C-alpha atoms as a PDB file:
ATOM      1  CA  MET A   1       0.000   0.000   0.000  1.00  0.00           C
ATOM      2  CA  PRO A   2       1.445   3.420  -0.896  1.00  0.00           C
ATOM      3  CA  TYR A   3       1.602   6.064   1.827  1.00  0.00           C
ATOM      4  CA  ASN A   4       0.357   9.223   0.153  1.00  0.00           C
ATOM      5  CA  LEU A   5       0.523  12.519   2.004  1.00  0.00           C
ATOM      6  CA  ASN A   6      -3.154  13.249   2.704  1.00  0.00           C
ATOM      7  CA  HIS A   7      -2.991  16.902   3.797  1.00  0.00           C
ATOM      8  CA  VAL A   8      -1.290  19.643   5.806  1.00  0.00           C
ATOM      9  CA  HIS A   9      -3.340  21.268   8.594  1.00  0.00           C
ATOM     10  CA  VAL A  10      -2.751  24.794   9.924  1.00  0.00           C
ATOM     11  CA  LYS A  11      -4.548  26.088  13.035  1.00  0.00           C
ATOM     12  CA  SER A  12      -5.490  29.769  13.078  1.00  0.00           C
ATOM     13  CA  LEU A  13      -7.292  32.185  15.359  1.00  0.00           C
ATOM     14  CA  ASP A  14      -8.785  33.770  12.211  1.00  0.00           C
ATOM     15  CA  PRO A  15      -9.093  31.068   9.512  1.00  0.00           C
ATOM     16  CA  GLU A  16     -10.783  33.340   6.962  1.00  0.00           C
ATOM     17  CA  LYS A  17      -8.027  35.957   7.167  1.00  0.00           C
ATOM     18  CA  THR A  18      -5.339  33.276   7.084  1.00  0.00           C
ATOM     19  CA  VAL A  19      -6.854  31.544   4.051  1.00  0.00           C
ATOM     20  CA  GLN A  20      -7.087  34.851   2.178  1.00  0.00           C
ATOM     21  CA  TRP A  21      -3.365  35.406   2.806  1.00  0.00           C
ATOM     22  CA  TRP A  22      -2.481  31.944   1.433  1.00  0.00           C
ATOM     23  CA  ILE A  23      -4.682  32.558  -1.613  1.00  0.00           C
ATOM     24  CA  GLU A  24      -2.900  35.833  -2.352  1.00  0.00           C
ATOM     25  CA  ALA A  25       0.573  34.563  -1.481  1.00  0.00           C
ATOM     26  CA  PHE A  26       0.562  31.093  -3.086  1.00  0.00           C
ATOM     27  CA  ASN A  27      -2.623  30.802  -5.191  1.00  0.00           C
ATOM     28  CA  PHE A  28      -4.404  28.388  -2.853  1.00  0.00           C
ATOM     29  CA  GLN A  29      -7.943  27.475  -3.909  1.00  0.00           C
ATOM     30  CA  ILE A  30     -10.803  27.020  -1.424  1.00  0.00           C
ATOM     31  CA  ILE A  31     -12.447  23.608  -1.839  1.00  0.00           C
ATOM     32  CA  ASP A  32     -14.859  23.751   1.128  1.00  0.00           C
ATOM     33  CA  ASP A  33     -15.648  26.208   3.929  1.00  0.00           C
ATOM     34  CA  ARG A  34     -17.860  25.261   6.850  1.00  0.00           C
ATOM     35  CA  THR A  35     -18.251  25.406  10.600  1.00  0.00           C
ATOM     36  CA  ARG A  36     -18.157  21.867  11.923  1.00  0.00           C
ATOM     37  CA  HIS A  37     -20.218  20.386  14.765  1.00  0.00           C
ATOM     38  CA  THR A  38     -17.108  20.790  16.942  1.00  0.00           C
ATOM     39  CA  GLY A  39     -17.473  24.579  16.605  1.00  0.00           C
ATOM     40  CA  ASP A  40     -14.384  25.231  14.495  1.00  0.00           C
ATOM     41  CA  ARG A  41     -14.362  27.007  11.161  1.00  0.00           C
ATOM     42  CA  PHE A  42     -12.773  24.479   8.811  1.00  0.00           C
ATOM     43  CA  ILE A  43     -11.602  25.629   5.383  1.00  0.00           C
ATOM     44  CA  LYS A  44     -10.268  23.017   2.971  1.00  0.00           C
ATOM     45  CA  CYS A  45      -7.831  24.428   0.424  1.00  0.00           C
ATOM     46  CA  ARG A  46      -5.657  23.035  -2.311  1.00  0.00           C
ATOM     47  CA  ALA A  47      -2.204  24.234  -3.327  1.00  0.00           C
ATOM     48  CA  GLU A  48      -1.481  24.680  -7.038  1.00  0.00           C
ATOM     49  CA  ASN A  49       0.171  21.242  -7.229  1.00  0.00           C
ATOM     50  CA  GLY A  50      -2.867  19.582  -5.632  1.00  0.00           C
ATOM     51  CA  VAL A  51      -1.638  19.164  -2.054  1.00  0.00           C
ATOM     52  CA  PRO A  52      -4.606  19.618   0.316  1.00  0.00           C
ATOM     53  CA  VAL A  53      -4.114  22.222   3.065  1.00  0.00           C
ATOM     54  CA  ASN A  54      -6.735  22.547   5.794  1.00  0.00           C
ATOM     55  CA  ILE A  55      -6.928  25.747   7.826  1.00  0.00           C
ATOM     56  CA  SER A  56      -9.143  25.739  10.897  1.00  0.00           C
ATOM     57  CA  GLY A  57      -9.860  27.681  14.026  1.00  0.00           C
ATOM     58  CA  PRO A  58     -10.029  26.412  17.593  1.00  0.00           C
ATOM     59  CA  LEU A  59     -12.736  23.964  18.614  1.00  0.00           C
ATOM     60  CA  THR A  60     -15.476  25.245  20.918  1.00  0.00           C
ATOM     61  CA  ASP A  61     -13.868  26.224  24.263  1.00  0.00           C
ATOM     62  CA  GLN A  62     -10.400  25.223  22.984  1.00  0.00           C
ATOM     63  CA  GLN A  63      -7.540  27.528  23.905  1.00  0.00           C
ATOM     64  CA  LEU A  64      -4.639  27.402  21.456  1.00  0.00           C
ATOM     65  CA  PRO A  65      -1.194  27.978  22.953  1.00  0.00           C
ATOM     66  CA  PRO A  66       0.999  30.721  21.533  1.00  0.00           C
ATOM     67  CA  SER A  67       3.014  29.752  18.478  1.00  0.00           C
ATOM     68  CA  GLU A  68       6.317  30.934  17.049  1.00  0.00           C
ATOM     69  CA  SER A  69       8.093  30.711  13.730  1.00  0.00           C
ATOM     70  CA  HIS A  70      11.567  29.810  14.941  1.00  0.00           C
ATOM     71  CA  VAL A  71      13.325  26.506  14.344  1.00  0.00           C
ATOM     72  CA  LYS A  72      11.668  23.908  16.576  1.00  0.00           C
ATOM     73  CA  LEU A  73      10.986  20.245  17.192  1.00  0.00           C
ATOM     74  CA  GLY A  74       8.004  18.683  15.497  1.00  0.00           C
ATOM     75  CA  LEU A  75       6.626  20.091  12.272  1.00  0.00           C
ATOM     76  CA  GLU A  76       9.282  22.684  11.509  1.00  0.00           C
ATOM     77  CA  HIS A  77       8.170  24.213   8.201  1.00  0.00           C
ATOM     78  CA  PHE A  78       6.893  23.485   4.746  1.00  0.00           C
ATOM     79  CA  GLY A  79       8.431  24.694   1.514  1.00  0.00           C
ATOM     80  CA  PHE A  80       7.568  26.130  -1.882  1.00  0.00           C
ATOM     81  CA  ASP A  81       9.649  26.083  -5.064  1.00  0.00           C
ATOM     82  CA  VAL A  82      10.054  29.578  -6.523  1.00  0.00           C
ATOM     83  CA  GLU A  83      11.571  30.954  -9.736  1.00  0.00           C
ATOM     84  CA  ASP A  84      13.122  34.144  -8.271  1.00  0.00           C
ATOM     85  CA  ILE A  85      13.744  34.014  -4.536  1.00  0.00           C
ATOM     86  CA  ASP A  86      14.649  37.703  -4.220  1.00  0.00           C
ATOM     87  CA  ALA A  87      11.424  38.801  -5.928  1.00  0.00           C
ATOM     88  CA  GLU A  88       9.403  36.395  -3.757  1.00  0.00           C
ATOM     89  CA  ILE A  89      11.012  37.675  -0.547  1.00  0.00           C
ATOM     90  CA  GLU A  90      10.041  41.218  -1.540  1.00  0.00           C
ATOM     91  CA  ARG A  91       6.523  40.215  -2.650  1.00  0.00           C
ATOM     92  CA  LEU A  92       5.799  38.212   0.494  1.00  0.00           C
ATOM     93  CA  ALA A  93       7.191  40.952   2.752  1.00  0.00           C
ATOM     94  CA  GLY A  94       4.623  43.238   1.120  1.00  0.00           C
ATOM     95  CA  LEU A  95       1.963  40.721   2.199  1.00  0.00           C
ATOM     96  CA  GLY A  96       3.203  40.824   5.789  1.00  0.00           C
ATOM     97  CA  ALA A  97       5.556  37.807   5.737  1.00  0.00           C
ATOM     98  CA  PRO A  98       8.904  38.944   7.143  1.00  0.00           C
ATOM     99  CA  LEU A  99      12.144  37.234   6.200  1.00  0.00           C
ATOM    100  CA  LEU A 100      13.357  35.013   9.056  1.00  0.00           C
ATOM    101  CA  ASP A 101      16.605  33.615   7.665  1.00  0.00           C
ATOM    102  CA  GLY A 102      18.602  33.798   4.436  1.00  0.00           C
ATOM    103  CA  PRO A 103      18.658  33.724   1.607  1.00  0.00           C
ATOM    104  CA  ASN A 104      21.384  31.099   1.744  1.00  0.00           C
ATOM    105  CA  GLU A 105      23.128  29.388  -1.166  1.00  0.00           C
ATOM    106  CA  LEU A 106      24.469  25.847  -1.522  1.00  0.00           C
ATOM    107  CA  PRO A 107      27.548  25.033  -3.621  1.00  0.00           C
ATOM    108  CA  ASP A 108      25.304  23.748  -6.445  1.00  0.00           C
ATOM    109  CA  GLY A 109      23.557  27.148  -6.663  1.00  0.00           C
ATOM    110  CA  THR A 110      20.357  26.189  -4.826  1.00  0.00           C
ATOM    111  CA  ARG A 111      19.107  29.211  -2.882  1.00  0.00           C
ATOM    112  CA  PHE A 112      16.727  29.014   0.082  1.00  0.00           C
ATOM    113  CA  CYS A 113      15.281  31.115   2.871  1.00  0.00           C
ATOM    114  CA  TRP A 114      12.481  31.125   5.432  1.00  0.00           C
ATOM    115  CA  VAL A 115       9.652  33.604   5.871  1.00  0.00           C
ATOM    116  CA  GLU A 116       6.961  33.901   8.522  1.00  0.00           C
ATOM    117  CA  ALA A 117       3.400  33.362   7.281  1.00  0.00           C
ATOM    118  CA  PRO A 118       0.289  34.180   9.357  1.00  0.00           C
ATOM    119  CA  ASP A 119      -0.060  32.343  12.675  1.00  0.00           C
ATOM    120  CA  HIS A 120       3.743  32.109  12.877  1.00  0.00           C
ATOM    121  CA  VAL A 121       3.938  29.361  10.251  1.00  0.00           C
ATOM    122  CA  ARG A 122       7.512  28.937   9.024  1.00  0.00           C
ATOM    123  CA  VAL A 123       7.723  28.668   5.222  1.00  0.00           C
ATOM    124  CA  GLU A 124      10.821  27.811   3.201  1.00  0.00           C
ATOM    125  CA  LEU A 125      11.292  29.237  -0.293  1.00  0.00           C
ATOM    126  CA  ILE A 126      13.589  27.225  -2.585  1.00  0.00           C
ATOM    127  CA  GLN A 127      15.086  28.442  -5.851  1.00  0.00           C
ATOM    128  CA  TRP A 128      16.709  25.591  -7.751  1.00  0.00           C
ATOM    129  CA  PRO A 129      19.732  26.222  -9.986  1.00  0.00           C
ATOM    130  CA  LYS A 130      18.933  26.720 -13.658  1.00  0.00           C
END
């Protein structure tokens, strides 16, 4: 049996605002938007390459702990391939995603950096050598 990645799930205090940012920043598409019986707003999205990304708020009476975008144990970040990393850093900064680290370059010419998306989600941008 193959083990296919089913989805990525991001928790947010304001799912609608967060989803709108991901739509503008990375062309996500909303597949479904509803409030579930558990009280949380649950918005199913899809990235351009088809990967499902769910963005939801807290369940009824659930208190989410503070988050941060620094290097950490557990789910550390997820990444996007980009054509021009410098242009993307500038574009995403204009959308409120500050640069956290980089850009860095490997000996083969691969360039990469991390930015902070809403809800302190750490996102890596990767520009592959031509």
